[in-house]
Amino acid sequence: MKKIYNPAPETWEELLKRPTQTFEAIEQTVTSIFTEVQRSKNKAVQKYTSLFDGVSIENLLVSQKEIEAAVTAVPEELKKAIQTAKENITIFHEAQKTSDVKVTTSTGVSCWQVKKPIDKIGLYIPGGSAPLFSTVLMLSIPAKIAGCKEIVLCTPPNKEGKINETILYAAQLCGVTKIFKVGGIQAIAAMTFGTETIPAVYKIFGPGNQFVTVAKQKATQFGVAIDMPAGPSELLVYGDESSNPNYIASDLLSQAEHGPDSQVILVSTDEKLLNAVEVALEDQLKVLPRVGIAEKAIENSKLIYVADQKIALDLINTYAPEHFIIASDAPEYFVENIENAGSVFIGSFTPESAGDYASGTNHTLPTNGFAKNYSGVMLDSYMKAISFQKITPEGLKNLGSTIEIMAQAEGLEAHKNAVSIRLKDIE
């Protein structure tokens, strides 16, 4: 990892760039596949599944027989672990339920708001080098709690045309209604337009590589909402003289092994810590099964020394990390003042992987600086709010002149007349 000492604020933007391709570099490929899926539906999906995943799929829908076989195949110990995670995730997301809002804004004028579930939800689950069954839990549990009627899941097949057994187990456990053997751009396009077998949905959730991220953004051009433009995973750790370098190294590597385009950063006010973490990284890296992937991610990553906590916080808020670990015995300053982060992990015994799996918070989070203006997935992500209002004759009498004056000032005479005609009848 590259070490940087006291970088000037004017260099931060360049220093903190993510190792991602530009939208323009990917958009042409995405647009081409979208156009073909819109026109040829299943045929195009099957074509690109063969091209990108190296397997020909006749029936894209996962059968009940395949699901039952997967449930049987998953070891009991893993099932129990998944069930424990499901319980914690359920508790946290159940707690996010809110009551309807109803108020009287003025005499005779009642306004209220009711939240309704989004009917049709699409979930994208990466399944390449690491089949993320944990993401099935994170996306389907709040969808079920919200009351979404149709929960469609797409995930890429392996070379044998099968879906990871644990993904199937988690999906059936959490109430997914349909599962399809399709990944990548073609999966997002299929859920956007619908095909002969894959339903079109109203909102698409889930992480993915840069192509999936751009495909999701493309889907919004066709009236489909997305959770956020979430791309390759990232982690920023703040450390000081109280930090354990071995713990920090393990956290950095836990994100680095996600993929070669992941990025991890350590920001510290202690120069010695940077050196100690660098040594610990080298030691721990050697024994990782995914060492090749982690090494490439480490090439994109940085160890940064700054003079004090204020500079550290300013830099961290500028970066807006997906995951932010405060690896310090005195975390209060950062807890109170952090503004831009997807999810925060406090203290030496709160590894980021706890949030990835089982603490209860959602691990589908904004990346690439989008923590400045996006939240992670939550219960409200699956809801839409409808506002209602009811005005009595007395209420319109009280409020009517206000509406008339404002409408006339905007030059919208019909708006004014819609009130005036009623006021005449009331009088």
Protein backbone atom coordinates (compact mmCIF):
# COMPACT_ATOMS: atom_id res chain seq x y z
CA MET A 1 0.00 0.00 0.00
CA LYS A 2 1.18 3.48 -0.80
CA LYS A 3 2.01 5.68 2.22
CA ILE A 4 1.15 9.37 2.10
CA TYR A 5 2.15 11.92 4.74
CA ASN A 6 0.20 15.12 5.44
CA PRO A 7 -1.46 15.48 2.04
CA ALA A 8 -2.62 19.04 1.32
CA PRO A 9 -6.45 19.44 1.15
CA GLU A 10 -6.24 20.58 -2.48
CA THR A 11 -4.78 17.14 -3.36
CA TRP A 12 -7.46 15.10 -1.58
CA GLU A 13 -9.83 14.77 -4.53
CA GLU A 14 -7.14 13.20 -6.71
CA LEU A 15 -5.66 11.20 -3.83
CA LEU A 16 -9.01 9.66 -2.89
CA LYS A 17 -10.16 8.64 -6.37
CA ARG A 18 -11.72 5.19 -6.61
CA PRO A 19 -10.21 2.66 -9.06
CA THR A 20 -13.32 2.55 -11.23
CA GLN A 21 -13.99 3.00 -14.91
CA THR A 22 -15.99 6.00 -16.01
CA PHE A 23 -19.70 5.74 -16.82
CA GLU A 24 -18.93 6.64 -20.42
CA ALA A 25 -16.46 3.76 -20.81
CA ILE A 26 -19.13 1.22 -19.84
CA GLU A 27 -22.33 2.84 -21.07
CA GLN A 28 -22.03 1.74 -24.70
CA THR A 29 -21.86 -1.92 -23.72
CA VAL A 30 -24.76 -1.53 -21.30
CA THR A 31 -26.93 0.32 -23.84
CA SER A 32 -26.31 -2.32 -26.49
CA ILE A 33 -27.34 -5.18 -24.20
CA PHE A 34 -30.39 -3.27 -22.91
CA THR A 35 -31.57 -2.68 -26.45
CA GLU A 36 -31.21 -6.34 -27.35
CA VAL A 37 -32.96 -7.60 -24.21
CA GLN A 38 -35.81 -5.14 -24.77
CA ARG A 39 -36.22 -6.48 -28.31
CA SER A 40 -35.43 -10.20 -28.00
CA LYS A 41 -36.20 -10.85 -24.32
CA ASN A 42 -35.24 -14.40 -23.16
CA LYS A 43 -33.28 -15.07 -26.32
CA ALA A 44 -30.98 -12.11 -25.61
CA VAL A 45 -30.68 -13.02 -21.91
CA GLN A 46 -29.65 -16.56 -22.84
CA LYS A 47 -27.20 -15.26 -25.43
CA TYR A 48 -25.36 -13.04 -22.97
CA THR A 49 -25.48 -15.66 -20.21
CA SER A 50 -23.68 -17.99 -22.59
CA LEU A 51 -21.20 -15.28 -23.57
CA PHE A 52 -20.36 -13.95 -20.10
CA ASP A 53 -20.99 -16.96 -17.84
CA GLY A 54 -19.94 -19.68 -20.24
CA VAL A 55 -23.10 -21.76 -19.90
CA SER A 56 -26.25 -22.30 -21.96
CA ILE A 57 -29.44 -22.09 -19.91
CA GLU A 58 -32.67 -23.52 -21.31
CA ASN A 59 -34.93 -22.72 -18.36
CA LEU A 60 -33.99 -19.50 -16.58
CA LEU A 61 -36.39 -20.06 -13.67
CA VAL A 62 -35.05 -22.08 -10.72
CA SER A 63 -37.43 -24.98 -10.11
CA GLN A 64 -38.96 -25.99 -6.79
CA LYS A 65 -37.08 -29.27 -7.10
CA GLU A 66 -33.75 -27.39 -7.31
CA ILE A 67 -34.67 -25.31 -4.26
CA GLU A 68 -35.59 -28.40 -2.23
CA ALA A 69 -32.32 -30.10 -3.18
CA ALA A 70 -30.37 -27.00 -2.13
CA VAL A 71 -32.13 -26.83 1.25
CA THR A 72 -31.14 -30.44 1.89
CA ALA A 73 -27.54 -29.88 0.80
CA VAL A 74 -26.72 -26.87 3.03
CA PRO A 75 -24.97 -28.05 6.23
CA GLU A 76 -26.99 -27.68 9.44
CA GLU A 77 -24.30 -25.54 11.08
CA LEU A 78 -24.50 -23.03 8.25
CA LYS A 79 -28.31 -23.08 8.34
CA LYS A 80 -28.23 -22.18 12.04
CA ALA A 81 -25.78 -19.35 11.40
CA ILE A 82 -28.02 -17.98 8.63
CA GLN A 83 -31.08 -18.24 10.86
CA THR A 84 -29.30 -16.32 13.64
CA ALA A 85 -28.32 -13.59 11.17
CA LYS A 86 -31.90 -13.53 9.86
CA GLU A 87 -33.24 -12.97 13.38
CA ASN A 88 -30.91 -10.03 14.04
CA ILE A 89 -31.54 -8.43 10.64
CA THR A 90 -35.29 -8.85 11.19
CA ILE A 91 -35.15 -7.23 14.64
CA PHE A 92 -33.25 -4.20 13.34
CA HIS A 93 -35.49 -3.67 10.31
CA GLU A 94 -38.75 -4.35 12.19
CA ALA A 95 -37.73 -1.53 14.54
CA GLN A 96 -37.72 0.86 11.55
CA LYS A 97 -41.51 0.68 11.14
CA THR A 98 -43.19 4.05 11.59
CA SER A 99 -46.77 5.09 12.30
CA ASP A 100 -48.92 6.97 9.82
CA VAL A 101 -48.76 10.74 10.19
CA LYS A 102 -52.00 12.70 10.59
CA VAL A 103 -52.30 16.40 11.41
CA THR A 104 -54.74 19.28 11.21
CA THR A 105 -52.77 22.04 9.52
CA SER A 106 -55.51 24.63 10.03
CA THR A 107 -59.19 24.64 10.99
CA GLY A 108 -61.05 22.24 8.72
CA VAL A 109 -57.92 21.08 6.88
CA SER A 110 -56.67 17.54 7.61
CA CYS A 111 -53.53 16.06 6.05
CA TRP A 112 -52.10 12.61 6.51
CA GLN A 113 -49.46 10.30 5.07
CA VAL A 114 -49.57 6.53 4.67
CA LYS A 115 -46.67 4.32 3.63
CA LYS A 116 -47.32 1.48 1.21
CA PRO A 117 -44.98 -1.28 0.02
CA ILE A 118 -43.61 -1.20 -3.51
CA ASP A 119 -45.41 -4.13 -5.17
CA LYS A 120 -42.68 -5.56 -7.40
CA ILE A 121 -39.08 -5.73 -6.23
CA GLY A 122 -36.04 -7.05 -8.08
CA LEU A 123 -32.98 -8.28 -6.18
CA TYR A 124 -29.59 -8.67 -7.79
CA ILE A 125 -27.22 -11.05 -5.98
CA PRO A 126 -23.60 -11.26 -7.20
CA GLY A 127 -22.51 -14.85 -7.62
CA GLY A 128 -19.09 -14.76 -9.23
CA SER A 129 -16.00 -15.56 -7.20
CA ALA A 130 -17.94 -15.13 -3.95
CA PRO A 131 -21.66 -16.05 -4.03
CA LEU A 132 -23.11 -13.51 -1.59
CA PHE A 133 -25.92 -15.38 0.16
CA SER A 134 -25.64 -12.79 2.95
CA THR A 135 -26.92 -10.17 0.51
CA VAL A 136 -30.03 -12.30 -0.02
CA LEU A 137 -30.80 -11.80 3.68
CA MET A 138 -30.05 -8.08 3.58
CA LEU A 139 -32.34 -7.42 0.61
CA SER A 140 -35.20 -9.88 1.01
CA ILE A 141 -35.84 -9.57 4.77
CA PRO A 142 -36.81 -5.87 4.70
CA ALA A 143 -38.78 -6.47 1.47
CA LYS A 144 -40.83 -9.11 3.26
CA ILE A 145 -41.30 -6.93 6.35
CA ALA A 146 -42.44 -4.05 4.12
CA GLY A 147 -45.03 -6.31 2.50
CA CYS A 148 -43.77 -6.34 -1.10
CA LYS A 149 -45.97 -8.76 -3.05
CA GLU A 150 -43.47 -9.94 -5.67
CA ILE A 151 -39.78 -10.41 -4.81
CA VAL A 152 -37.78 -11.48 -7.86
CA LEU A 153 -34.15 -12.56 -7.47
CA CYS A 154 -31.55 -12.78 -10.25
CA THR A 155 -28.11 -14.27 -9.74
CA PRO A 156 -25.57 -15.67 -12.23
CA PRO A 157 -25.26 -19.44 -12.71
CA ASN A 158 -22.01 -21.37 -12.46
CA LYS A 159 -20.43 -23.31 -15.35
CA GLU A 160 -22.84 -26.20 -14.68
CA GLY A 161 -25.84 -23.90 -14.96
CA LYS A 162 -26.60 -24.08 -11.25
CA ILE A 163 -27.11 -21.50 -8.52
CA ASN A 164 -25.14 -21.66 -5.30
CA GLU A 165 -27.07 -23.85 -2.85
CA THR A 166 -26.78 -21.40 0.04
CA ILE A 167 -28.20 -18.57 -2.07
CA LEU A 168 -31.21 -20.76 -2.83
CA TYR A 169 -31.59 -21.74 0.84
CA ALA A 170 -31.47 -18.12 2.01
CA ALA A 171 -33.90 -17.03 -0.72
CA GLN A 172 -36.57 -19.57 0.20
CA LEU A 173 -36.03 -18.90 3.92
CA CYS A 174 -36.71 -15.17 3.42
CA GLY A 175 -39.72 -15.39 1.14
CA VAL A 176 -38.32 -14.69 -2.33
CA THR A 177 -41.09 -15.49 -4.83
CA LYS A 178 -39.07 -16.27 -7.99
CA ILE A 179 -35.38 -17.01 -8.60
CA PHE A 180 -33.69 -16.76 -12.00
CA LYS A 181 -30.35 -18.02 -13.30
CA VAL A 182 -29.15 -14.81 -14.83
CA GLY A 183 -26.56 -12.23 -13.86
CA GLY A 184 -24.78 -9.14 -15.09
CA ILE A 185 -26.15 -6.43 -17.33
CA GLN A 186 -28.66 -8.84 -18.87
CA ALA A 187 -30.25 -9.50 -15.46
CA ILE A 188 -30.79 -5.80 -14.80
CA ALA A 189 -32.18 -5.33 -18.33
CA ALA A 190 -34.52 -8.30 -17.91
CA MET A 191 -35.94 -6.92 -14.65
CA THR A 192 -36.28 -3.51 -16.30
CA PHE A 193 -38.26 -4.60 -19.39
CA GLY A 194 -39.53 -8.04 -18.43
CA THR A 195 -39.15 -11.11 -20.63
CA GLU A 196 -41.29 -14.17 -21.38
CA THR A 197 -40.34 -15.58 -17.96
CA ILE A 198 -38.69 -12.79 -15.92
CA PRO A 199 -41.17 -10.19 -14.59
CA ALA A 200 -40.51 -6.48 -14.93
CA VAL A 201 -40.16 -4.84 -11.51
CA TYR A 202 -40.65 -1.35 -10.09
CA LYS A 203 -37.37 -1.09 -8.17
CA ILE A 204 -34.05 -2.94 -8.35
CA PHE A 205 -31.79 -3.57 -5.36
CA GLY A 206 -28.37 -5.07 -4.94
CA PRO A 207 -24.64 -4.56 -5.36
CA GLY A 208 -22.51 -5.62 -8.31
CA ASN A 209 -19.48 -4.83 -10.38
CA GLN A 210 -19.08 -1.64 -12.39
CA PHE A 211 -21.13 -3.03 -15.29
CA VAL A 212 -24.05 -3.88 -12.99
CA THR A 213 -23.79 -0.45 -11.36
CA VAL A 214 -24.03 1.34 -14.70
CA ALA A 215 -26.83 -1.02 -15.80
CA LYS A 216 -28.84 -0.04 -12.73
CA GLN A 217 -28.33 3.61 -13.53
CA LYS A 218 -29.44 2.86 -17.10
CA ALA A 219 -32.60 1.20 -15.76
CA THR A 220 -33.69 4.51 -14.23
CA GLN A 221 -34.02 5.92 -17.76
CA PHE A 222 -36.86 3.45 -18.31
CA GLY A 223 -38.88 4.31 -15.22
CA VAL A 224 -37.37 1.72 -12.86
CA ALA A 225 -36.11 2.95 -9.48
CA ILE A 226 -32.91 1.65 -7.87
CA ASP A 227 -31.69 1.48 -4.31
CA MET A 228 -28.48 3.41 -5.02
CA PRO A 229 -25.55 3.35 -7.47
CA ALA A 230 -23.60 0.84 -5.35
CA GLY A 231 -20.38 -0.40 -6.92
CA PRO A 232 -17.17 -2.11 -5.74
CA SER A 233 -16.76 -2.41 -1.98
CA GLU A 234 -14.62 -0.01 0.05
CA LEU A 235 -13.47 0.55 3.63
CA LEU A 236 -11.80 3.40 5.48
CA VAL A 237 -10.29 2.86 8.94
CA TYR A 238 -9.26 5.59 11.35
CA GLY A 239 -6.53 4.53 13.76
CA ASP A 240 -4.33 6.11 16.43
CA GLU A 241 -1.79 5.06 19.05
CA SER A 242 -4.48 3.00 20.85
CA SER A 243 -5.26 0.87 17.77
CA ASN A 244 -4.34 -2.78 17.27
CA PRO A 245 -2.45 -3.03 13.93
CA ASN A 246 -3.34 -6.71 13.50
CA TYR A 247 -7.04 -5.95 13.83
CA ILE A 248 -6.80 -3.10 11.34
CA ALA A 249 -4.88 -5.23 8.84
CA SER A 250 -7.53 -7.95 9.09
CA ASP A 251 -10.30 -5.41 8.47
CA LEU A 252 -8.52 -3.90 5.47
CA LEU A 253 -8.01 -7.35 3.96
CA SER A 254 -11.61 -8.37 4.65
CA GLN A 255 -12.69 -5.74 2.14
CA ALA A 256 -9.72 -6.11 -0.21
CA GLU A 257 -10.67 -9.74 -0.87
CA HIS A 258 -14.06 -8.69 -2.30
CA GLY A 259 -12.57 -7.86 -5.67
CA PRO A 260 -9.60 -6.33 -7.50
CA ASP A 261 -11.47 -3.04 -7.87
CA SER A 262 -12.18 -2.73 -4.14
CA GLN A 263 -10.36 -0.03 -2.19
CA VAL A 264 -9.22 0.16 1.44
CA ILE A 265 -7.69 3.13 3.24
CA LEU A 266 -6.14 3.71 6.66
CA VAL A 267 -6.09 7.27 7.98
CA SER A 268 -4.04 7.73 11.13
CA THR A 269 -2.59 10.36 13.43
CA ASP A 270 0.15 7.89 14.46
CA GLU A 271 3.03 7.29 12.05
CA LYS A 272 4.12 4.14 13.86
CA LEU A 273 0.70 2.60 13.28
CA LEU A 274 1.06 2.94 9.50
CA ASN A 275 4.30 0.95 9.57
CA ALA A 276 2.89 -1.69 11.93
CA VAL A 277 -0.22 -2.16 9.80
CA GLU A 278 1.89 -2.46 6.67
CA VAL A 279 3.87 -5.32 8.25
CA ALA A 280 0.70 -7.02 9.54
CA LEU A 281 -0.88 -6.76 6.08
CA GLU A 282 2.04 -8.57 4.47
CA ASP A 283 1.92 -11.35 7.08
CA GLN A 284 -1.84 -11.90 6.86
CA LEU A 285 -2.00 -11.57 3.09
CA LYS A 286 0.25 -14.59 2.57
CA VAL A 287 -2.24 -17.05 4.02
CA LEU A 288 -5.41 -15.78 2.34
CA PRO A 289 -7.00 -18.13 -0.24
CA ARG A 290 -7.99 -15.07 -2.30
CA VAL A 291 -4.52 -13.56 -2.13
CA GLY A 292 -4.43 -12.65 -5.83
CA ILE A 293 -7.64 -10.63 -5.61
CA ALA A 294 -6.62 -8.95 -2.34
CA GLU A 295 -3.20 -8.00 -3.73
CA LYS A 296 -4.76 -6.17 -6.67
CA ALA A 297 -7.12 -4.28 -4.36
CA ILE A 298 -4.20 -3.38 -2.10
CA GLU A 299 -2.47 -1.78 -5.10
CA ASN A 300 -5.38 0.70 -5.22
CA SER A 301 -5.24 1.35 -1.50
CA LYS A 302 -3.46 3.83 0.78
CA LEU A 303 -2.01 4.44 4.23
CA ILE A 304 -2.43 8.14 5.04
CA TYR A 305 -0.87 10.05 7.95
CA VAL A 306 -2.42 13.33 9.07
CA ALA A 307 -1.52 15.67 11.93
CA ASP A 308 -4.69 15.63 14.01
CA GLN A 309 -8.27 14.36 14.36
CA LYS A 310 -9.87 17.38 12.71
CA ILE A 311 -7.86 16.94 9.52
CA ALA A 312 -8.60 13.21 9.64
CA LEU A 313 -12.34 13.84 9.94
CA ASP A 314 -12.34 16.40 7.11
CA LEU A 315 -10.54 13.92 4.86
CA ILE A 316 -12.91 11.09 5.83
CA ASN A 317 -16.00 13.21 5.16
CA THR A 318 -14.49 14.16 1.79
CA TYR A 319 -13.99 10.49 0.90
CA ALA A 320 -17.47 9.48 2.21
CA PRO A 321 -16.65 5.79 2.79
CA GLU A 322 -19.08 2.95 2.38
CA HIS A 323 -17.73 1.39 5.58
CA PHE A 324 -15.98 3.45 8.28
CA ILE A 325 -14.22 1.80 11.22
CA ILE A 326 -13.19 3.96 14.19
CA ALA A 327 -10.41 1.74 15.57
CA SER A 328 -9.71 3.90 18.60
CA ASP A 329 -10.26 3.79 22.34
CA ALA A 330 -11.59 7.37 22.09
CA PRO A 331 -14.09 7.29 19.21
CA GLU A 332 -16.44 10.02 20.46
CA TYR A 333 -15.15 12.87 18.25
CA PHE A 334 -15.73 10.84 15.09
CA VAL A 335 -19.05 9.35 16.24
CA GLU A 336 -20.43 12.83 16.95
CA ASN A 337 -19.07 14.56 13.85
CA ILE A 338 -19.04 12.06 10.98
CA GLU A 339 -21.37 13.30 8.22
CA ASN A 340 -20.66 11.12 5.19
CA ALA A 341 -20.50 7.34 5.68
CA GLY A 342 -22.63 4.35 4.75
CA SER A 343 -22.16 2.44 8.00
CA VAL A 344 -19.93 3.12 11.03
CA PHE A 345 -18.17 0.50 13.18
CA ILE A 346 -17.00 1.71 16.58
CA GLY A 347 -14.08 0.33 18.59
CA SER A 348 -11.56 -2.46 18.30
CA PHE A 349 -14.08 -5.27 18.69
CA THR A 350 -16.52 -4.20 15.99
CA PRO A 351 -15.15 -5.65 12.75
CA GLU A 352 -16.79 -4.60 9.51
CA SER A 353 -17.57 -8.24 8.76
CA ALA A 354 -20.07 -8.20 11.66
CA GLY A 355 -22.18 -5.76 9.67
CA ASP A 356 -21.64 -7.79 6.52
CA TYR A 357 -23.28 -10.81 8.10
CA ALA A 358 -25.07 -10.84 11.36
CA SER A 359 -25.15 -7.78 13.64
CA GLY A 360 -28.46 -6.68 12.11
CA THR A 361 -27.65 -3.53 10.13
CA ASN A 362 -27.89 -3.66 6.35
CA HIS A 363 -24.72 -4.16 4.34
CA THR A 364 -26.09 -2.79 1.06
CA LEU A 365 -24.51 0.65 1.23
CA PRO A 366 -23.57 3.62 -0.96
CA THR A 367 -20.07 3.49 -2.47
CA ASN A 368 -17.94 5.71 -4.68
CA GLY A 369 -18.65 8.81 -2.57
CA PHE A 370 -22.44 8.46 -2.77
CA ALA A 371 -22.61 8.32 1.05
CA LYS A 372 -22.69 12.13 0.73
CA ASN A 373 -26.24 11.93 -0.62
CA TYR A 374 -27.54 8.35 -0.30
CA SER A 375 -28.42 6.11 2.63
CA GLY A 376 -27.92 2.39 2.84
CA VAL A 377 -30.85 0.02 2.28
CA MET A 378 -33.47 0.24 5.03
CA LEU A 379 -37.15 -0.61 5.48
CA ASP A 380 -38.23 2.68 3.90
CA SER A 381 -36.29 1.72 0.76
CA TYR A 382 -39.13 -0.71 0.00
CA MET A 383 -41.92 1.74 0.75
CA LYS A 384 -43.54 4.71 -0.93
CA ALA A 385 -45.47 7.40 0.91
CA ILE A 386 -48.90 8.58 -0.22
CA SER A 387 -50.23 11.88 1.13
CA PHE A 388 -53.95 12.50 1.72
CA GLN A 389 -55.92 15.63 2.52
CA LYS A 390 -59.56 16.47 3.33
CA ILE A 391 -60.98 19.96 3.58
CA THR A 392 -64.37 20.83 5.05
CA PRO A 393 -66.45 23.77 3.79
CA GLU A 394 -65.28 25.72 6.82
CA GLY A 395 -61.69 24.79 6.04
CA LEU A 396 -61.95 25.99 2.44
CA LYS A 397 -63.57 29.21 3.64
CA ASN A 398 -60.59 29.83 5.93
CA LEU A 399 -57.90 28.80 3.42
CA GLY A 400 -59.56 29.82 0.16
CA SER A 401 -58.33 33.39 -0.15
CA THR A 402 -54.74 32.28 0.45
CA ILE A 403 -54.99 29.84 -2.45
CA GLU A 404 -56.69 32.38 -4.71
CA ILE A 405 -54.06 35.06 -4.08
CA MET A 406 -51.16 32.66 -4.71
CA ALA A 407 -52.72 31.18 -7.86
CA GLN A 408 -53.42 34.62 -9.29
CA ALA A 409 -49.84 35.72 -8.55
CA GLU A 410 -48.56 32.76 -10.58
CA GLY A 411 -50.92 33.56 -13.43
CA LEU A 412 -52.85 30.31 -13.06
CA GLU A 413 -56.44 31.52 -13.27
CA ALA A 414 -57.98 28.03 -13.47
CA HIS A 415 -56.31 27.14 -10.19
CA LYS A 416 -57.90 30.20 -8.60
CA ASN A 417 -61.28 29.41 -10.16
CA ALA A 418 -61.29 25.87 -8.74
CA VAL A 419 -61.45 27.51 -5.31
CA SER A 420 -63.59 30.52 -6.17
CA ILE A 421 -66.43 28.43 -7.65
CA ARG A 422 -66.65 26.43 -4.42
CA LEU A 423 -66.51 29.46 -2.18
CA LYS A 424 -69.51 30.96 -3.97
CA ASP A 425 -71.55 27.83 -3.24
CA ILE A 426 -70.43 27.83 0.40
CA GLU A 427 -71.52 31.42 0.84
